[in-house]
């Protein structure tokens, strides 16, 4: 029995020894398969492991030589931060030389000599050499220099301080002259906001900010810009060039001297009737302006010389003074033929405050006056006449045009309802429609225009 126990003890010891040997072999095998490695890190990004540091150095040197051959420039080294950190990795997962080279080729940037165009002491544009830099600056000036027989350029300058300086830069920052020109002229986009005022239209806002209506819509996703409201804020995308080019030049032009109109009273004509007895002719003059433009947009214009070539000849109109009896007035009829001539006196089509006057304003030229009112309020014909147009008219919304004879017509826009039809004769004071806010409008009002021979005139000069 004692001998059996001794044999079992010896057998257990043998098993332990064998187990230790097997474990030692496994550890040795793992160590052989997972030796010391180096983790390659480029600008903080871990890209893999290599077994030897020398492999990474070799690949970088080969890539630098290839860059020198490709660019024909002296490459001064890598512009990235490359680190090799101690680590461990299965040898089967080591990066091969080919794989490492492919990865580094896509990630590495290179340092080389260049020149910088400095704008207000800050390097902004990098080019190959001084010749390219100067050529780009010359092209910027040329872009904003007018060339024609009637212009004489005085000077072209940059608003900013400009220097060309040698430097060292990244290859990725280097621009060819064409791209450098585009970058200087276009610069970068910035977002500004605009607050809608009374009388604004989408077209006016876009036009005043050098944008299309489509671009304005893109800058305001989800905003129904066709329904503007006073105080609403819209995003505007503004392009800010790196350089501002100021051009001063003289412009010679031939301009028209508008003939004046002379009125002569006549008892042969009824009051409100007129007759052209002598057609006027416009004159001509040669003018010279000194113009200052910034990035191609005119910012100042001064008349420096003026010479009359041909004097204008006045237009003579005979104006009736004879008073008709009440029974002889020409009033509107509902027939579709013949002309309906008004009295020549224009009455207010709507009583209310003038919310926007005639002429220039911040968002363009206003061709009429806006009279405030409430939706549904009656709008009356300013004088007797015939309806020449009645219906939808784009930005005017629902609109009515009335001809009063003798070249005079009136227009009523943004209506909520039209109560007349084309061809219909109307009397002065007759209700023709109702106040609304259709078309490009910010609220209920009447847009009222007066046209003489197709040209817009200030309604306040014609209204009683």
Protein backbone atom coordinates (compact mmCIF):
# COMPACT_ATOMS: atom_id res chain seq x y z
CA UNK A 1 0.00 0.00 0.00
CA UNK A 2 2.84 2.34 0.91
CA UNK A 3 4.58 1.64 -2.38
CA UNK A 4 1.37 2.50 -4.31
CA UNK A 5 1.08 5.89 -2.60
CA UNK A 6 4.69 6.71 -3.39
CA UNK A 7 4.15 5.89 -7.08
CA UNK A 8 1.10 8.20 -7.22
CA UNK A 9 3.08 11.08 -5.69
CA UNK A 10 5.85 10.64 -8.24
CA UNK A 11 3.27 10.56 -11.06
CA UNK A 12 1.65 13.86 -9.85
CA UNK A 13 4.99 15.60 -9.72
CA UNK A 14 5.70 14.45 -13.23
CA UNK A 15 2.36 15.88 -14.41
CA UNK A 16 3.13 19.25 -12.80
CA UNK A 17 6.54 19.36 -14.44
CA UNK A 18 5.09 18.52 -17.82
CA UNK A 19 2.34 21.19 -17.39
CA UNK A 20 4.94 23.86 -16.56
CA UNK A 21 6.96 22.95 -19.62
CA UNK A 22 3.86 23.20 -21.86
CA UNK A 23 2.99 26.61 -20.34
CA UNK A 24 6.55 27.83 -20.88
CA UNK A 25 6.40 26.75 -24.52
CA UNK A 26 3.08 28.58 -25.01
CA UNK A 27 4.41 31.83 -23.49
CA UNK A 28 7.55 31.57 -25.62
CA UNK A 29 5.41 31.00 -28.73
CA UNK A 30 3.15 34.01 -27.95
CA UNK A 31 6.14 36.22 -27.28
CA UNK A 32 7.64 35.19 -30.59
CA UNK A 33 4.36 36.00 -32.40
CA UNK A 34 3.82 39.27 -30.50
CA UNK A 35 7.13 41.02 -30.26
CA UNK A 36 7.95 44.65 -29.55
CA UNK A 37 6.33 47.04 -32.07
CA UNK A 38 6.08 50.79 -32.79
CA UNK A 39 2.77 52.57 -33.25
CA UNK A 40 2.83 55.12 -36.11
CA UNK A 41 0.92 58.33 -35.24
CA UNK A 42 0.45 61.19 -37.77
CA UNK A 43 -0.88 64.50 -36.41
CA UNK A 44 -2.44 62.64 -33.48
CA UNK A 45 -4.08 59.96 -35.65
CA UNK A 46 -3.03 56.34 -35.03
CA UNK A 47 -2.52 54.60 -38.35
CA UNK A 48 -0.92 51.22 -37.43
CA UNK A 49 2.16 49.33 -36.16
CA UNK A 50 5.59 48.59 -37.62
CA UNK A 51 8.26 46.25 -36.29
CA UNK A 52 11.20 48.60 -36.90
CA UNK A 53 11.57 52.36 -36.69
CA UNK A 54 13.88 52.29 -39.69
CA UNK A 55 11.00 51.17 -41.92
CA UNK A 56 9.04 54.38 -41.26
CA UNK A 57 12.13 56.55 -41.91
CA UNK A 58 12.82 54.71 -45.14
CA UNK A 59 9.27 55.17 -46.46
CA UNK A 60 9.25 58.91 -45.60
CA UNK A 61 12.58 59.43 -47.37
CA UNK A 62 11.31 57.64 -50.47
CA UNK A 63 8.12 59.74 -50.53
CA UNK A 64 10.15 62.94 -50.15
CA UNK A 65 12.35 61.93 -53.09
CA UNK A 66 9.24 61.24 -55.19
CA UNK A 67 7.80 64.66 -54.28
CA UNK A 68 11.01 66.38 -55.31
CA UNK A 69 10.94 64.59 -58.65
CA UNK A 70 7.26 65.37 -59.19
CA UNK A 71 7.29 69.07 -58.25
CA UNK A 72 10.84 69.93 -59.36
CA UNK A 73 11.02 71.88 -56.10
CA UNK A 74 13.27 71.53 -53.07
CA UNK A 75 11.23 69.69 -50.45
CA UNK A 76 12.41 70.79 -47.03
CA UNK A 77 10.79 67.99 -45.05
CA UNK A 78 7.40 66.86 -43.83
CA UNK A 79 4.94 69.41 -42.50
CA UNK A 80 3.17 66.87 -40.28
CA UNK A 81 4.00 65.64 -36.79
CA UNK A 82 4.98 61.94 -37.06
CA UNK A 83 5.49 59.91 -33.85
CA UNK A 84 6.63 56.32 -33.23
CA UNK A 85 5.38 55.13 -29.84
CA UNK A 86 6.37 51.87 -28.12
CA UNK A 87 3.70 49.22 -28.16
CA UNK A 88 2.88 45.58 -28.82
CA UNK A 89 1.06 43.97 -31.71
CA UNK A 90 0.73 40.58 -33.38
CA UNK A 91 3.35 40.37 -36.10
CA UNK A 92 0.66 39.35 -38.56
CA UNK A 93 -0.94 42.78 -38.05
CA UNK A 94 2.24 44.77 -38.79
CA UNK A 95 1.96 47.25 -41.66
CA UNK A 96 3.86 46.11 -44.70
CA UNK A 97 6.19 48.58 -46.36
CA UNK A 98 3.78 48.93 -49.29
CA UNK A 99 0.76 49.51 -47.04
CA UNK A 100 2.64 52.04 -44.90
CA UNK A 101 3.78 53.92 -47.99
CA UNK A 102 0.22 54.12 -49.35
CA UNK A 103 -1.14 55.44 -46.05
CA UNK A 104 1.59 58.05 -45.57
CA UNK A 105 1.37 59.23 -49.18
CA UNK A 106 -2.26 60.19 -48.58
CA UNK A 107 -1.63 61.83 -45.21
CA UNK A 108 1.70 63.60 -45.38
CA UNK A 109 2.10 67.24 -46.40
CA UNK A 110 5.41 68.78 -47.35
CA UNK A 111 7.30 71.97 -46.49
CA UNK A 112 8.76 74.05 -49.31
CA UNK A 113 9.88 77.59 -50.06
CA UNK A 114 7.22 79.99 -51.39
CA UNK A 115 6.10 83.61 -51.25
CA UNK A 116 3.12 85.00 -49.37
CA UNK A 117 0.85 87.87 -50.33
CA UNK A 118 0.40 89.62 -46.99
CA UNK A 119 -2.77 91.65 -46.53
CA UNK A 120 -2.57 94.10 -43.63
CA UNK A 121 0.53 92.23 -42.37
CA UNK A 122 -1.20 88.82 -42.39
CA UNK A 123 -0.08 86.14 -44.90
CA UNK A 124 -3.21 85.18 -46.83
CA UNK A 125 -2.23 83.76 -50.24
CA UNK A 126 0.76 81.50 -50.98
CA UNK A 127 2.30 81.18 -54.43
CA UNK A 128 5.35 79.60 -56.00
CA UNK A 129 7.41 82.76 -56.44
CA UNK A 130 7.36 86.55 -56.46
CA UNK A 131 6.65 86.67 -60.20
CA UNK A 132 3.41 84.70 -59.78
CA UNK A 133 2.37 86.80 -56.77
CA UNK A 134 2.83 90.09 -58.64
CA UNK A 135 1.02 88.71 -61.69
CA UNK A 136 -2.00 87.81 -59.53
CA UNK A 137 -2.16 91.29 -57.99
CA UNK A 138 -1.95 92.83 -61.47
CA UNK A 139 -4.82 90.58 -62.64
CA UNK A 140 -6.99 91.70 -59.70
CA UNK A 141 -6.47 95.34 -60.69
CA UNK A 142 -7.08 94.54 -64.36
CA UNK A 143 -10.40 92.87 -63.48
CA UNK A 144 -11.70 96.18 -62.10
CA UNK A 145 -10.13 98.49 -64.69
CA UNK A 146 -12.65 99.69 -67.30
CA UNK A 147 -11.45 99.41 -70.89
CA UNK A 148 -13.28 101.43 -73.55
CA UNK A 149 -12.76 104.37 -75.89
CA UNK A 150 -14.76 106.70 -73.62
CA UNK A 151 -12.93 105.97 -70.34
CA UNK A 152 -9.66 107.34 -69.02
CA UNK A 153 -8.30 105.52 -65.96
CA UNK A 154 -6.77 107.83 -63.35
CA UNK A 155 -5.59 105.26 -60.77
CA UNK A 156 -6.23 101.76 -59.45
CA UNK A 157 -5.26 100.95 -55.86
CA UNK A 158 -5.96 98.48 -53.09
CA UNK A 159 -7.59 99.69 -49.88
CA UNK A 160 -5.48 97.32 -47.81
CA UNK A 161 -1.73 97.29 -47.16
CA UNK A 162 -0.08 94.75 -49.49
CA UNK A 163 3.35 93.06 -49.18
CA UNK A 164 5.00 90.15 -50.97
CA UNK A 165 7.32 88.18 -48.71
CA UNK A 166 9.37 84.97 -48.97
CA UNK A 167 8.29 82.23 -46.60
CA UNK A 168 8.05 78.50 -45.98
CA UNK A 169 4.64 76.89 -46.36
CA UNK A 170 2.83 73.61 -46.82
CA UNK A 171 2.49 72.23 -50.32
CA UNK A 172 -1.30 71.98 -49.78
CA UNK A 173 -1.45 75.75 -49.11
CA UNK A 174 0.25 76.63 -52.41
CA UNK A 175 -2.08 78.03 -55.10
CA UNK A 176 -1.60 78.44 -58.82
CA UNK A 177 -2.25 81.99 -60.17
CA UNK A 178 -5.76 81.17 -61.45
CA UNK A 179 -6.97 79.80 -58.10
CA UNK A 180 -5.21 82.60 -56.21
CA UNK A 181 -7.07 85.20 -58.30
CA UNK A 182 -10.40 83.49 -57.65
CA UNK A 183 -9.68 83.28 -53.90
CA UNK A 184 -8.75 86.98 -53.65
CA UNK A 185 -11.79 88.15 -55.65
CA UNK A 186 -14.41 85.86 -54.10
CA UNK A 187 -12.94 85.48 -50.62
CA UNK A 188 -15.35 83.77 -48.29
CA UNK A 189 -19.08 83.96 -47.68
CA UNK A 190 -20.50 85.49 -44.52
CA UNK A 191 -24.07 85.59 -43.25
CA UNK A 192 -25.73 88.91 -42.45
CA UNK A 193 -29.34 89.60 -41.52
CA UNK A 194 -31.87 92.07 -42.92
CA UNK A 195 -35.05 93.24 -41.18
CA UNK A 196 -38.08 93.60 -43.47
CA UNK A 197 -39.53 97.12 -43.64
CA UNK A 198 -42.93 98.26 -44.83
CA UNK A 199 -43.17 98.23 -48.63
CA UNK A 200 -40.32 95.73 -49.09
CA UNK A 201 -40.62 93.02 -51.73
CA UNK A 202 -38.54 89.86 -52.10
CA UNK A 203 -37.18 91.08 -55.44
CA UNK A 204 -36.19 94.46 -53.98
CA UNK A 205 -34.33 92.86 -51.05
CA UNK A 206 -32.48 90.39 -53.28
CA UNK A 207 -31.58 93.04 -55.88
CA UNK A 208 -30.29 95.50 -53.27
CA UNK A 209 -27.95 92.85 -51.86
CA UNK A 210 -26.62 91.49 -55.19
CA UNK A 211 -28.52 88.22 -54.81
CA UNK A 212 -31.13 86.42 -56.88
CA UNK A 213 -34.50 85.51 -55.39
CA UNK A 214 -33.41 81.85 -55.59
CA UNK A 215 -30.24 82.58 -53.59
CA UNK A 216 -32.31 84.45 -51.01
CA UNK A 217 -34.59 81.41 -50.67
CA UNK A 218 -31.58 79.08 -50.26
CA UNK A 219 -30.19 81.32 -47.49
CA UNK A 220 -33.51 81.05 -45.62
CA UNK A 221 -34.52 77.35 -45.68
CA UNK A 222 -37.99 76.69 -44.35
CA UNK A 223 -38.93 80.38 -44.42
CA UNK A 224 -41.90 81.23 -46.72
CA UNK A 225 -40.32 84.39 -48.13
CA UNK A 226 -43.25 84.92 -50.50
CA UNK A 227 -45.19 86.03 -47.39
CA UNK A 228 -43.07 88.81 -45.89
CA UNK A 229 -44.02 90.47 -42.63
CA UNK A 230 -42.73 93.75 -41.23
CA UNK A 231 -39.89 93.15 -38.74
CA UNK A 232 -39.13 89.67 -40.11
CA UNK A 233 -35.39 88.87 -40.26
CA UNK A 234 -33.91 87.30 -43.39
CA UNK A 235 -30.45 85.83 -43.85
CA UNK A 236 -28.30 87.42 -46.55
CA UNK A 237 -25.23 85.67 -47.96
CA UNK A 238 -22.54 88.28 -48.56
CA UNK A 239 -19.30 87.61 -50.40
CA UNK A 240 -16.28 89.28 -48.78
CA UNK A 241 -13.25 89.56 -51.06
CA UNK A 242 -9.77 89.41 -49.52
CA UNK A 243 -8.83 92.65 -51.28
CA UNK A 244 -10.88 95.75 -52.06
CA UNK A 245 -9.89 97.36 -55.36
CA UNK A 246 -10.63 101.08 -55.71
CA UNK A 247 -10.64 102.44 -59.28
CA UNK A 248 -10.83 106.12 -60.23
CA UNK A 249 -11.56 106.93 -63.86
CA UNK A 250 -13.14 109.55 -66.14
CA UNK A 251 -16.10 108.62 -68.30
CA UNK A 252 -17.25 110.60 -71.34
CA UNK A 253 -20.82 110.12 -72.50
CA UNK A 254 -23.50 111.70 -74.62
CA UNK A 255 -26.71 112.38 -72.74
CA UNK A 256 -30.19 113.56 -73.67
CA UNK A 257 -31.47 116.93 -72.53
CA UNK A 258 -35.17 116.33 -71.98
CA UNK A 259 -37.43 118.88 -73.59
CA UNK A 260 -39.74 120.79 -71.33
CA UNK A 261 -43.50 120.96 -71.77
CA UNK A 262 -45.16 124.33 -72.22
CA UNK A 263 -48.90 124.60 -71.55
CA UNK A 264 -51.08 127.21 -73.27
CA UNK A 265 -54.66 127.82 -72.12
CA UNK A 266 -57.38 127.67 -74.78
CA UNK A 267 -61.10 128.37 -74.52
CA UNK A 268 -61.63 126.27 -77.66
CA UNK A 269 -61.12 123.09 -75.65
CA UNK A 270 -63.12 121.87 -72.70
CA UNK A 271 -61.47 121.78 -69.30
CA UNK A 272 -59.63 118.48 -68.92
CA UNK A 273 -58.97 118.19 -72.67
CA UNK A 274 -55.52 118.77 -74.11
CA UNK A 275 -54.01 118.93 -77.58
CA UNK A 276 -50.37 118.75 -78.62
CA UNK A 277 -49.83 121.71 -80.94
CA UNK A 278 -46.09 121.36 -81.26
CA UNK A 279 -44.00 118.23 -80.72
CA UNK A 280 -40.90 118.87 -78.68
CA UNK A 281 -37.46 117.48 -79.43
CA UNK A 282 -34.81 116.49 -76.93
CA UNK A 283 -31.39 118.07 -76.98
CA UNK A 284 -27.94 116.50 -76.62
CA UNK A 285 -24.97 117.19 -74.40
CA UNK A 286 -21.50 115.72 -73.91
CA UNK A 287 -20.62 115.12 -70.27
CA UNK A 288 -17.53 113.96 -68.42
CA UNK A 289 -17.87 112.25 -65.05
CA UNK A 290 -15.18 111.30 -62.58
CA UNK A 291 -16.21 107.96 -61.13
CA UNK A 292 -14.86 106.02 -58.17
CA UNK A 293 -15.72 102.31 -58.03
CA UNK A 294 -15.00 99.68 -55.42
CA UNK A 295 -14.69 96.10 -56.66
CA UNK A 296 -16.51 97.18 -59.82
CA UNK A 297 -19.46 98.85 -58.03
CA UNK A 298 -19.84 102.61 -58.39
CA UNK A 299 -19.50 104.44 -55.05
CA UNK A 300 -19.00 108.03 -56.21
CA UNK A 301 -19.87 109.99 -59.35
CA UNK A 302 -19.01 113.64 -59.98
CA UNK A 303 -19.82 115.74 -63.04
CA UNK A 304 -16.59 117.53 -64.04
CA UNK A 305 -17.45 118.86 -67.51
CA UNK A 306 -20.57 119.47 -69.58
CA UNK A 307 -20.95 120.72 -73.17
CA UNK A 308 -24.29 121.27 -74.97
CA UNK A 309 -24.27 119.86 -78.51
CA UNK A 310 -27.91 120.52 -79.41
CA UNK A 311 -30.48 122.52 -77.47
CA UNK A 312 -33.90 120.97 -76.77
CA UNK A 313 -37.13 122.33 -78.25
CA UNK A 314 -40.13 122.70 -75.96
CA UNK A 315 -43.23 120.60 -76.42
CA UNK A 316 -46.36 122.81 -76.59
CA UNK A 317 -49.69 121.52 -75.29
CA UNK A 318 -52.92 123.46 -75.49
CA UNK A 319 -55.00 122.97 -72.33
CA UNK A 320 -58.73 123.52 -72.36
CA UNK A 321 -60.38 126.09 -70.08
CA UNK A 322 -63.93 125.88 -71.39
CA UNK A 323 -66.40 124.58 -68.80
CA UNK A 324 -68.94 121.97 -69.89
CA UNK A 325 -72.50 121.94 -68.68
CA UNK A 326 -73.32 118.95 -66.48
CA UNK A 327 -75.26 117.28 -69.25
CA UNK A 328 -72.35 117.35 -71.69
CA UNK A 329 -69.80 115.50 -69.55
CA UNK A 330 -68.35 112.38 -71.15
CA UNK A 331 -69.03 109.58 -68.68
CA UNK A 332 -68.27 105.91 -68.68
CA UNK A 333 -70.55 103.48 -70.43
CA UNK A 334 -70.61 99.69 -70.22
CA UNK A 335 -70.24 99.30 -73.97
CA UNK A 336 -67.11 97.59 -75.23
CA UNK A 337 -66.38 100.01 -78.06
CA UNK A 338 -65.20 103.60 -78.30
CA UNK A 339 -62.96 105.57 -76.01
CA UNK A 340 -63.86 107.03 -72.64
CA UNK A 341 -62.02 110.28 -71.92
CA UNK A 342 -61.67 111.43 -68.33
CA UNK A 343 -62.00 114.96 -67.03
CA UNK A 344 -58.23 115.32 -66.58
CA UNK A 345 -58.67 115.69 -62.82
CA UNK A 346 -57.47 112.70 -60.76
CA UNK A 347 -59.17 112.05 -57.44
CA UNK A 348 -57.81 109.96 -54.56
CA UNK A 349 -58.73 106.30 -55.13
CA UNK A 350 -58.54 105.59 -51.38
CA UNK A 351 -58.44 107.75 -48.29
CA UNK A 352 -55.55 106.85 -46.02
CA UNK A 353 -51.98 107.58 -45.00
CA UNK A 354 -49.18 107.39 -47.55
CA UNK A 355 -46.99 104.56 -46.25
CA UNK A 356 -44.40 104.72 -49.04
CA UNK A 357 -43.73 107.61 -51.40
CA UNK A 358 -42.76 107.80 -55.05
CA UNK A 359 -39.12 107.61 -56.18
CA UNK A 360 -35.83 106.22 -54.87
CA UNK A 361 -35.75 104.23 -51.66
CA UNK A 362 -33.30 101.83 -50.00
CA UNK A 363 -34.53 98.81 -51.96
CA UNK A 364 -34.91 100.36 -55.40
CA UNK A 365 -37.13 102.81 -57.30
CA UNK A 366 -40.79 103.00 -56.23
CA UNK A 367 -42.97 103.65 -59.28
CA UNK A 368 -46.03 104.79 -57.36
CA UNK A 369 -47.31 105.58 -53.88
CA UNK A 370 -48.63 103.17 -51.25
CA UNK A 371 -51.81 104.18 -49.43
CA UNK A 372 -52.62 102.33 -46.22
CA UNK A 373 -56.02 100.68 -45.85
CA UNK A 374 -57.96 97.73 -44.47
CA UNK A 375 -58.65 94.53 -46.37
CA UNK A 376 -61.95 94.82 -48.24
CA UNK A 377 -62.05 98.64 -48.21
CA UNK A 378 -63.46 100.11 -51.43
CA UNK A 379 -61.06 101.39 -54.12
CA UNK A 380 -62.52 103.93 -56.54
CA UNK A 381 -61.55 104.93 -60.09
CA UNK A 382 -59.49 108.11 -59.95
CA UNK A 383 -61.20 109.46 -63.08
CA UNK A 384 -63.53 108.31 -65.84
CA UNK A 385 -61.95 105.94 -68.33
CA UNK A 386 -61.84 102.46 -69.75
CA UNK A 387 -60.37 99.36 -68.06
CA UNK A 388 -57.48 98.09 -70.17
CA UNK A 389 -56.32 95.33 -67.84
CA UNK A 390 -57.81 93.55 -64.81
CA UNK A 391 -56.44 90.37 -63.27
CA UNK A 392 -53.38 88.77 -61.72
CA UNK A 393 -50.12 90.55 -62.57
CA UNK A 394 -47.16 88.85 -60.87
CA UNK A 395 -45.65 90.92 -58.05
CA UNK A 396 -48.51 93.44 -58.35
CA UNK A 397 -50.97 90.72 -57.31
CA UNK A 398 -54.54 91.44 -58.43
CA UNK A 399 -54.22 94.64 -60.46
CA UNK A 400 -56.36 97.04 -62.56
CA UNK A 401 -55.19 99.46 -65.28
CA UNK A 402 -57.51 102.24 -66.47
CA UNK A 403 -56.92 104.49 -69.51
CA UNK A 404 -58.33 108.01 -69.11
CA UNK A 405 -57.45 109.23 -72.63
CA UNK A 406 -54.85 111.75 -73.76
CA UNK A 407 -52.06 109.34 -72.79
CA UNK A 408 -52.94 109.20 -69.08
CA UNK A 409 -53.59 105.93 -67.25
CA UNK A 410 -53.74 104.79 -63.62
CA UNK A 411 -52.84 101.47 -61.96
CA UNK A 412 -54.29 99.92 -58.78
CA UNK A 413 -52.33 96.96 -57.31
CA UNK A 414 -52.33 94.34 -54.48
CA UNK A 415 -56.16 94.17 -54.53
CA UNK A 416 -58.08 91.48 -52.68
CA UNK A 417 -60.97 91.62 -55.16
CA UNK A 418 -61.54 93.01 -58.69
CA UNK A 419 -65.02 94.35 -59.50
CA UNK A 420 -64.52 95.38 -63.17
CA UNK A 421 -63.38 93.63 -66.34
CA UNK A 422 -61.18 94.59 -69.33
CA UNK A 423 -62.95 96.82 -71.85
CA UNK A 424 -65.45 98.13 -69.34
CA UNK A 425 -66.02 101.89 -69.07
CA UNK A 426 -65.93 103.34 -65.57
CA UNK A 427 -66.96 106.64 -64.01
CA UNK A 428 -64.82 108.74 -61.70
CA UNK A 429 -65.41 107.55 -58.15
CA UNK A 430 -66.88 104.19 -59.20
CA UNK A 431 -65.84 101.27 -56.96
CA UNK A 432 -63.54 99.07 -59.03
CA UNK A 433 -61.99 96.80 -56.41
CA UNK A 434 -61.11 96.20 -52.76
CA UNK A 435 -57.93 96.71 -50.70
CA UNK A 436 -55.78 93.60 -50.24
CA UNK A 437 -52.25 92.29 -49.85
CA UNK A 438 -51.80 90.06 -52.89
CA UNK A 439 -48.54 89.69 -54.80
CA UNK A 440 -45.29 90.92 -53.24
CA UNK A 441 -46.77 92.80 -50.31
CA UNK A 442 -46.15 93.14 -46.57
CA UNK A 443 -49.69 94.11 -45.55
CA UNK A 444 -53.04 95.46 -46.81
CA UNK A 445 -52.56 98.66 -48.84
CA UNK A 446 -53.13 100.12 -52.31
CA UNK A 447 -50.18 100.62 -54.63
CA UNK A 448 -51.28 103.46 -56.95
CA UNK A 449 -49.45 104.56 -60.12
CA UNK A 450 -49.99 107.34 -62.65
CA UNK A 451 -48.53 106.89 -66.13
CA UNK A 452 -48.35 109.55 -68.84
CA UNK A 453 -47.56 108.21 -72.31
CA UNK A 454 -46.33 105.01 -70.68
CA UNK A 455 -43.92 106.79 -68.30
CA UNK A 456 -44.32 106.72 -64.52
CA UNK A 457 -44.95 110.10 -62.86
CA UNK A 458 -45.34 111.12 -59.24
CA UNK A 459 -49.07 110.61 -58.45
CA UNK A 460 -48.99 113.45 -55.90
CA UNK A 461 -48.49 115.91 -58.75
CA UNK A 462 -51.70 114.78 -60.42
CA UNK A 463 -54.08 114.06 -57.55
CA UNK A 464 -56.56 116.70 -56.41
